[in-house]
Amino acid sequence: MAPLRVLCIHGYRQNGSSFREKTGALRKLLKKQVELVYMSAPLPVKQGIPGNENDSVPAAGGDEDPRGWWFSDIQARSFSAQQLCDESLGLDESVSAVREAVAVQGPFDGILGFSQGAAFVAMLCSLQEQRLEPEFSFRFAILVAGFRSACKEHQRFYSAPLQIPALHVFGLEDRVIPDDMSRELLPSFQDTQVLTHPGGHFVPAASAHRQTYQDFLKRFQ
């Protein structure tokens, strides 16, 4: 049985290669079931810009070549998950980048996102179901530390519950995206499965989580 191919969407201030490193345990946990394919966001993030979301939780100042999927502060070109804004910057570029990744590296069975990347995945699923992106044909989504965007122009993505099956994963001790923010995203999907873990802001991949991941993925094999 061929493994499921999953496109991986990193968090804010990360990039495809750093997210690949951070999800090594997940790749090992699911190696028989999935092939994880990583891409980088098109928007470079300025180093040293304040913002309460750093998905890298860095050892020494963050990842090299930090990237983002959209900016909530257009002037500062920065992002915070809690920041209310009327409009954002860069989302169209990011959708185009995913479209290109699907064309060049696809097809993909599913899509996985972390933090800002998970919020972006929810938007991509909405575009797919509205038939605004005919190249997208994801059969499932995995959203780790996801949330609803606080930006007014993004509310169109939450107008109708999505039918794509989704596994929502979040940590009960997450200080970057508190679990109540992740729970607010649940009603945006009709077919939801939830995996909670006692930790913080990361993609969990302990042996205790294997069964939940595998049971969800078995539906698509």
C-alpha atoms as a PDB file:
ATOM      1  CA  MET A   1       0.000   0.000   0.000  1.00  0.00           C
ATOM      2  CA  ALA A   2       1.483   3.329  -1.064  1.00  0.00           C
ATOM      3  CA  PRO A   3       1.853   5.879   1.728  1.00  0.00           C
ATOM      4  CA  LEU A   4      -0.434   8.899   1.796  1.00  0.00           C
ATOM      5  CA  ARG A   5       1.273  12.057   0.555  1.00  0.00           C
ATOM      6  CA  VAL A   6       0.774  15.025   2.871  1.00  0.00           C
ATOM      7  CA  LEU A   7       1.778  18.631   2.180  1.00  0.00           C
ATOM      8  CA  CYS A   8       3.211  20.246   5.340  1.00  0.00           C
ATOM      9  CA  ILE A   9       2.613  23.939   6.096  1.00  0.00           C
ATOM     10  CA  HIS A  10       4.991  25.328   8.738  1.00  0.00           C
ATOM     11  CA  GLY A  11       4.357  27.917  11.455  1.00  0.00           C
ATOM     12  CA  TYR A  12       5.241  31.609  11.583  1.00  0.00           C
ATOM     13  CA  ARG A  13       9.001  32.334  11.667  1.00  0.00           C
ATOM     14  CA  GLN A  14       9.742  28.807  10.453  1.00  0.00           C
ATOM     15  CA  ASN A  15      10.450  27.445   6.984  1.00  0.00           C
ATOM     16  CA  GLY A  16      10.073  24.117   5.240  1.00  0.00           C
ATOM     17  CA  SER A  17      13.468  22.718   6.259  1.00  0.00           C
ATOM     18  CA  SER A  18      13.239  23.823   9.900  1.00  0.00           C
ATOM     19  CA  PHE A  19       9.721  22.393  10.175  1.00  0.00           C
ATOM     20  CA  ARG A  20      10.982  19.143   8.679  1.00  0.00           C
ATOM     21  CA  GLU A  21      13.594  18.966  11.443  1.00  0.00           C
ATOM     22  CA  LYS A  22      11.033  19.742  14.140  1.00  0.00           C
ATOM     23  CA  THR A  23       8.689  17.001  12.926  1.00  0.00           C
ATOM     24  CA  GLY A  24      11.288  14.233  12.705  1.00  0.00           C
ATOM     25  CA  ALA A  25       9.519  12.287  15.459  1.00  0.00           C
ATOM     26  CA  LEU A  26       6.221  12.502  13.568  1.00  0.00           C
ATOM     27  CA  ARG A  27       7.829  11.256  10.347  1.00  0.00           C
ATOM     28  CA  LYS A  28       9.274   8.309  12.267  1.00  0.00           C
ATOM     29  CA  LEU A  29       5.956   7.606  14.015  1.00  0.00           C
ATOM     30  CA  LEU A  30       3.970   7.521  10.759  1.00  0.00           C
ATOM     31  CA  LYS A  31       6.624   6.451   8.241  1.00  0.00           C
ATOM     32  CA  LYS A  32       4.660   3.416   7.033  1.00  0.00           C
ATOM     33  CA  GLN A  33       1.505   5.440   6.461  1.00  0.00           C
ATOM     34  CA  VAL A  34       2.521   8.867   5.207  1.00  0.00           C
ATOM     35  CA  GLU A  35       5.109  10.708   3.175  1.00  0.00           C
ATOM     36  CA  LEU A  36       5.436  14.258   4.490  1.00  0.00           C
ATOM     37  CA  VAL A  37       6.386  16.861   1.864  1.00  0.00           C
ATOM     38  CA  TYR A  38       7.468  20.313   3.086  1.00  0.00           C
ATOM     39  CA  MET A  39       7.273  23.745   1.482  1.00  0.00           C
ATOM     40  CA  SER A  40       8.289  27.242   2.630  1.00  0.00           C
ATOM     41  CA  ALA A  41       6.050  30.294   2.832  1.00  0.00           C
ATOM     42  CA  PRO A  42       6.822  33.038   0.298  1.00  0.00           C
ATOM     43  CA  LEU A  43       6.931  35.929   2.804  1.00  0.00           C
ATOM     44  CA  PRO A  44      10.264  36.636   4.535  1.00  0.00           C
ATOM     45  CA  VAL A  45       9.899  37.737   8.166  1.00  0.00           C
ATOM     46  CA  LYS A  46      12.195  40.486   9.369  1.00  0.00           C
ATOM     47  CA  GLN A  47      14.401  39.360  12.219  1.00  0.00           C
ATOM     48  CA  GLY A  48      13.854  41.086  15.542  1.00  0.00           C
ATOM     49  CA  ILE A  49      10.289  42.225  14.785  1.00  0.00           C
ATOM     50  CA  PRO A  50       8.183  41.953  17.920  1.00  0.00           C
ATOM     51  CA  GLY A  51       5.130  39.736  17.881  1.00  0.00           C
ATOM     52  CA  ASN A  52       3.651  37.416  20.427  1.00  0.00           C
ATOM     53  CA  GLU A  53       3.766  34.407  18.166  1.00  0.00           C
ATOM     54  CA  ASN A  54       7.047  32.712  17.522  1.00  0.00           C
ATOM     55  CA  ASP A  55       6.296  29.203  16.378  1.00  0.00           C
ATOM     56  CA  SER A  56       9.980  28.354  16.495  1.00  0.00           C
ATOM     57  CA  VAL A  57      10.304  28.600  20.276  1.00  0.00           C
ATOM     58  CA  PRO A  58      13.968  29.146  19.438  1.00  0.00           C
ATOM     59  CA  ALA A  59      17.079  27.978  21.197  1.00  0.00           C
ATOM     60  CA  ALA A  60      19.023  30.964  19.926  1.00  0.00           C
ATOM     61  CA  GLY A  61      17.021  33.703  18.267  1.00  0.00           C
ATOM     62  CA  GLY A  62      14.863  31.693  15.881  1.00  0.00           C
ATOM     63  CA  ASP A  63      15.255  29.881  12.608  1.00  0.00           C
ATOM     64  CA  GLU A  64      17.441  31.045   9.770  1.00  0.00           C
ATOM     65  CA  ASP A  65      15.343  32.452   6.934  1.00  0.00           C
ATOM     66  CA  PRO A  66      12.111  32.829   8.953  1.00  0.00           C
ATOM     67  CA  ARG A  67       8.956  32.897   6.852  1.00  0.00           C
ATOM     68  CA  GLY A  68       5.245  33.609   7.222  1.00  0.00           C
ATOM     69  CA  TRP A  69       1.955  33.035   5.391  1.00  0.00           C
ATOM     70  CA  TRP A  70       0.422  36.467   6.053  1.00  0.00           C
ATOM     71  CA  PHE A  71       1.035  39.576   8.134  1.00  0.00           C
ATOM     72  CA  SER A  72      -1.629  40.943  10.485  1.00  0.00           C
ATOM     73  CA  ASP A  73       0.263  44.245  10.791  1.00  0.00           C
ATOM     74  CA  ILE A  74       0.679  45.569   7.257  1.00  0.00           C
ATOM     75  CA  GLN A  75       2.986  48.452   8.211  1.00  0.00           C
ATOM     76  CA  ALA A  76       5.350  46.448  10.408  1.00  0.00           C
ATOM     77  CA  ARG A  77       5.080  43.292   8.258  1.00  0.00           C
ATOM     78  CA  SER A  78       4.601  41.254  11.413  1.00  0.00           C
ATOM     79  CA  PHE A  79       2.068  38.762  12.709  1.00  0.00           C
ATOM     80  CA  SER A  80       0.281  38.059  15.952  1.00  0.00           C
ATOM     81  CA  ALA A  81      -2.516  35.496  16.231  1.00  0.00           C
ATOM     82  CA  GLN A  82      -4.455  37.720  18.641  1.00  0.00           C
ATOM     83  CA  GLN A  83      -4.153  40.920  16.599  1.00  0.00           C
ATOM     84  CA  LEU A  84      -7.459  42.261  15.275  1.00  0.00           C
ATOM     85  CA  CYS A  85      -7.058  43.705  11.795  1.00  0.00           C
ATOM     86  CA  ASP A  86      -9.283  44.766   8.916  1.00  0.00           C
ATOM     87  CA  GLU A  87      -6.992  43.455   6.221  1.00  0.00           C
ATOM     88  CA  SER A  88      -3.827  41.403   6.009  1.00  0.00           C
ATOM     89  CA  LEU A  89      -0.820  41.333   3.722  1.00  0.00           C
ATOM     90  CA  GLY A  90       0.538  38.468   1.651  1.00  0.00           C
ATOM     91  CA  LEU A  91      -2.223  35.862   1.771  1.00  0.00           C
ATOM     92  CA  ASP A  92      -2.729  35.805  -2.012  1.00  0.00           C
ATOM     93  CA  GLU A  93       0.993  35.211  -2.526  1.00  0.00           C
ATOM     94  CA  SER A  94       0.852  32.285  -0.119  1.00  0.00           C
ATOM     95  CA  VAL A  95      -2.166  30.713  -1.832  1.00  0.00           C
ATOM     96  CA  SER A  96      -0.281  31.014  -5.150  1.00  0.00           C
ATOM     97  CA  ALA A  97       2.764  29.320  -3.590  1.00  0.00           C
ATOM     98  CA  VAL A  98       0.628  26.372  -2.447  1.00  0.00           C
ATOM     99  CA  ARG A  99      -0.983  26.186  -5.894  1.00  0.00           C
ATOM    100  CA  GLU A 100       2.500  25.930  -7.405  1.00  0.00           C
ATOM    101  CA  ALA A 101       3.614  23.309  -4.864  1.00  0.00           C
ATOM    102  CA  VAL A 102       0.565  21.192  -5.698  1.00  0.00           C
ATOM    103  CA  ALA A 103       1.280  21.511  -9.424  1.00  0.00           C
ATOM    104  CA  VAL A 104       4.987  20.686  -9.118  1.00  0.00           C
ATOM    105  CA  GLN A 105       5.145  18.244  -6.185  1.00  0.00           C
ATOM    106  CA  GLY A 106       1.582  16.886  -6.051  1.00  0.00           C
ATOM    107  CA  PRO A 107      -0.782  15.275  -6.078  1.00  0.00           C
ATOM    108  CA  PHE A 108      -1.354  15.213  -2.324  1.00  0.00           C
ATOM    109  CA  ASP A 109      -3.840  13.183  -0.332  1.00  0.00           C
ATOM    110  CA  GLY A 110      -3.880  15.556   2.619  1.00  0.00           C
ATOM    111  CA  ILE A 111      -2.482  18.715   4.128  1.00  0.00           C
ATOM    112  CA  LEU A 112      -0.994  19.346   7.570  1.00  0.00           C
ATOM    113  CA  GLY A 113      -0.448  22.748   9.165  1.00  0.00           C
ATOM    114  CA  PHE A 114       1.091  24.004  12.393  1.00  0.00           C
ATOM    115  CA  SER A 115      -0.030  27.182  14.198  1.00  0.00           C
ATOM    116  CA  GLN A 116      -0.231  30.011  11.631  1.00  0.00           C
ATOM    117  CA  GLY A 117       0.169  27.236   9.075  1.00  0.00           C
ATOM    118  CA  ALA A 118      -2.842  25.395  10.551  1.00  0.00           C
ATOM    119  CA  ALA A 119      -4.952  28.561  10.385  1.00  0.00           C
ATOM    120  CA  PHE A 120      -3.828  28.898   6.762  1.00  0.00           C
ATOM    121  CA  VAL A 121      -4.768  25.262   6.056  1.00  0.00           C
ATOM    122  CA  ALA A 122      -8.334  25.983   7.207  1.00  0.00           C
ATOM    123  CA  MET A 123      -8.441  28.835   4.662  1.00  0.00           C
ATOM    124  CA  LEU A 124      -7.069  26.590   1.900  1.00  0.00           C
ATOM    125  CA  CYS A 125      -9.752  23.989   2.674  1.00  0.00           C
ATOM    126  CA  SER A 126     -12.397  26.715   2.432  1.00  0.00           C
ATOM    127  CA  LEU A 127     -11.055  27.822  -0.964  1.00  0.00           C
ATOM    128  CA  GLN A 128     -11.121  24.196  -2.114  1.00  0.00           C
ATOM    129  CA  GLU A 129     -14.734  23.668  -1.052  1.00  0.00           C
ATOM    130  CA  GLN A 130     -15.815  26.944  -2.631  1.00  0.00           C
ATOM    131  CA  ARG A 131     -14.200  25.613  -5.829  1.00  0.00           C
ATOM    132  CA  LEU A 132     -12.035  28.720  -6.032  1.00  0.00           C
ATOM    133  CA  GLU A 133      -8.855  26.636  -6.350  1.00  0.00           C
ATOM    134  CA  PRO A 134      -9.547  23.811  -8.826  1.00  0.00           C
ATOM    135  CA  GLU A 135      -5.996  22.443  -8.402  1.00  0.00           C
ATOM    136  CA  PHE A 136      -6.644  21.599  -4.743  1.00  0.00           C
ATOM    137  CA  SER A 137      -7.987  18.120  -4.052  1.00  0.00           C
ATOM    138  CA  PHE A 138      -7.003  17.466  -0.434  1.00  0.00           C
ATOM    139  CA  ARG A 139      -9.005  14.629   1.107  1.00  0.00           C
ATOM    140  CA  PHE A 140      -8.188  15.453   4.723  1.00  0.00           C
ATOM    141  CA  ALA A 141      -6.523  18.058   6.916  1.00  0.00           C
ATOM    142  CA  ILE A 142      -4.468  17.853  10.116  1.00  0.00           C
ATOM    143  CA  LEU A 143      -4.416  21.122  12.060  1.00  0.00           C
ATOM    144  CA  VAL A 144      -1.922  21.387  14.924  1.00  0.00           C
ATOM    145  CA  ALA A 145      -2.361  24.405  17.236  1.00  0.00           C
ATOM    146  CA  GLY A 146      -4.774  25.934  14.734  1.00  0.00           C
ATOM    147  CA  PHE A 147      -6.973  28.990  15.293  1.00  0.00           C
ATOM    148  CA  ARG A 148      -9.451  31.275  13.545  1.00  0.00           C
ATOM    149  CA  SER A 149      -7.833  34.336  12.034  1.00  0.00           C
ATOM    150  CA  ALA A 150      -8.820  37.550  13.837  1.00  0.00           C
ATOM    151  CA  CYS A 151      -8.594  39.497  10.566  1.00  0.00           C
ATOM    152  CA  LYS A 152     -11.911  40.826   9.221  1.00  0.00           C
ATOM    153  CA  GLU A 153     -11.149  40.031   5.598  1.00  0.00           C
ATOM    154  CA  HIS A 154     -10.599  36.371   6.535  1.00  0.00           C
ATOM    155  CA  GLN A 155     -14.039  35.829   8.046  1.00  0.00           C
ATOM    156  CA  ARG A 156     -15.313  34.725   4.625  1.00  0.00           C
ATOM    157  CA  PHE A 157     -13.407  31.477   5.179  1.00  0.00           C
ATOM    158  CA  TYR A 158     -15.655  30.593   8.131  1.00  0.00           C
ATOM    159  CA  SER A 159     -19.050  31.287   6.539  1.00  0.00           C
ATOM    160  CA  ALA A 160     -20.004  27.617   6.152  1.00  0.00           C
ATOM    161  CA  PRO A 161     -18.771  24.495   7.962  1.00  0.00           C
ATOM    162  CA  LEU A 162     -16.255  22.580   5.862  1.00  0.00           C
ATOM    163  CA  GLN A 163     -16.910  18.988   4.884  1.00  0.00           C
ATOM    164  CA  ILE A 164     -13.275  17.889   4.591  1.00  0.00           C
ATOM    165  CA  PRO A 165     -12.415  15.515   7.475  1.00  0.00           C
ATOM    166  CA  ALA A 166     -10.041  17.202   9.929  1.00  0.00           C
ATOM    167  CA  LEU A 167      -7.909  16.045  12.840  1.00  0.00           C
ATOM    168  CA  HIS A 168      -7.387  18.914  15.294  1.00  0.00           C
ATOM    169  CA  VAL A 169      -4.349  18.594  17.560  1.00  0.00           C
ATOM    170  CA  PHE A 170      -3.543  20.980  20.397  1.00  0.00           C
ATOM    171  CA  GLY A 171      -1.624  21.191  23.665  1.00  0.00           C
ATOM    172  CA  LEU A 172      -3.303  21.981  26.955  1.00  0.00           C
ATOM    173  CA  GLU A 173      -0.233  23.939  28.081  1.00  0.00           C
ATOM    174  CA  ASP A 174       0.262  25.866  24.827  1.00  0.00           C
ATOM    175  CA  ARG A 175       1.188  29.454  25.720  1.00  0.00           C
ATOM    176  CA  VAL A 176       1.475  30.660  22.102  1.00  0.00           C
ATOM    177  CA  ILE A 177      -1.910  29.460  20.837  1.00  0.00           C
ATOM    178  CA  PRO A 178      -3.943  28.642  23.973  1.00  0.00           C
ATOM    179  CA  ASP A 179      -6.171  25.606  23.567  1.00  0.00           C
ATOM    180  CA  ASP A 180      -9.349  27.712  23.755  1.00  0.00           C
ATOM    181  CA  MET A 181      -8.241  29.448  20.526  1.00  0.00           C
ATOM    182  CA  SER A 182      -7.836  26.045  18.867  1.00  0.00           C
ATOM    183  CA  ARG A 183     -11.271  24.958  20.104  1.00  0.00           C
ATOM    184  CA  GLU A 184     -12.821  28.012  18.427  1.00  0.00           C
ATOM    185  CA  LEU A 185     -11.791  26.542  15.068  1.00  0.00           C
ATOM    186  CA  LEU A 186     -13.610  23.220  15.622  1.00  0.00           C
ATOM    187  CA  PRO A 187     -17.102  24.395  14.512  1.00  0.00           C
ATOM    188  CA  SER A 188     -15.632  25.418  11.144  1.00  0.00           C
ATOM    189  CA  PHE A 189     -15.410  21.706  10.282  1.00  0.00           C
ATOM    190  CA  GLN A 190     -18.262  19.185  10.200  1.00  0.00           C
ATOM    191  CA  ASP A 191     -16.156  16.034  10.437  1.00  0.00           C
ATOM    192  CA  THR A 192     -13.734  16.602  13.302  1.00  0.00           C
ATOM    193  CA  GLN A 193     -11.520  14.413  15.400  1.00  0.00           C
ATOM    194  CA  VAL A 194      -9.582  15.897  18.320  1.00  0.00           C
ATOM    195  CA  LEU A 195      -6.222  14.891  19.787  1.00  0.00           C
ATOM    196  CA  THR A 196      -5.155  16.808  22.881  1.00  0.00           C
ATOM    197  CA  HIS A 197      -1.799  16.460  24.580  1.00  0.00           C
ATOM    198  CA  PRO A 198      -0.560  17.805  27.926  1.00  0.00           C
ATOM    199  CA  GLY A 199       2.323  19.777  26.395  1.00  0.00           C
ATOM    200  CA  GLY A 200       2.925  23.137  24.766  1.00  0.00           C
ATOM    201  CA  HIS A 201       3.438  24.584  21.293  1.00  0.00           C
ATOM    202  CA  PHE A 202       4.723  21.702  19.171  1.00  0.00           C
ATOM    203  CA  VAL A 203       3.596  18.810  16.977  1.00  0.00           C
ATOM    204  CA  PRO A 204       3.146  15.849  19.343  1.00  0.00           C
ATOM    205  CA  ALA A 205       4.507  12.500  18.201  1.00  0.00           C
ATOM    206  CA  ALA A 206       4.821  10.258  21.251  1.00  0.00           C
ATOM    207  CA  SER A 207       3.849   6.603  21.022  1.00  0.00           C
ATOM    208  CA  ALA A 208       0.697   7.486  23.003  1.00  0.00           C
ATOM    209  CA  HIS A 209      -0.489   9.574  20.028  1.00  0.00           C
ATOM    210  CA  ARG A 210       0.213   6.996  17.330  1.00  0.00           C
ATOM    211  CA  GLN A 211      -3.179   5.268  17.487  1.00  0.00           C
ATOM    212  CA  THR A 212      -5.180   8.485  17.045  1.00  0.00           C
ATOM    213  CA  TYR A 213      -3.109   9.537  14.037  1.00  0.00           C
ATOM    214  CA  GLN A 214      -3.270   6.052  12.513  1.00  0.00           C
ATOM    215  CA  ASP A 215      -7.010   5.636  13.036  1.00  0.00           C
ATOM    216  CA  PHE A 216      -7.638   8.974  11.339  1.00  0.00           C
ATOM    217  CA  LEU A 217      -5.296   8.246   8.405  1.00  0.00           C
ATOM    218  CA  LYS A 218      -6.685   4.714   7.852  1.00  0.00           C
ATOM    219  CA  ARG A 219      -9.886   6.283   6.556  1.00  0.00           C
ATOM    220  CA  PHE A 220      -8.014   7.529   3.468  1.00  0.00           C
ATOM    221  CA  GLN A 221      -5.791   4.583   2.587  1.00  0.00           C
END
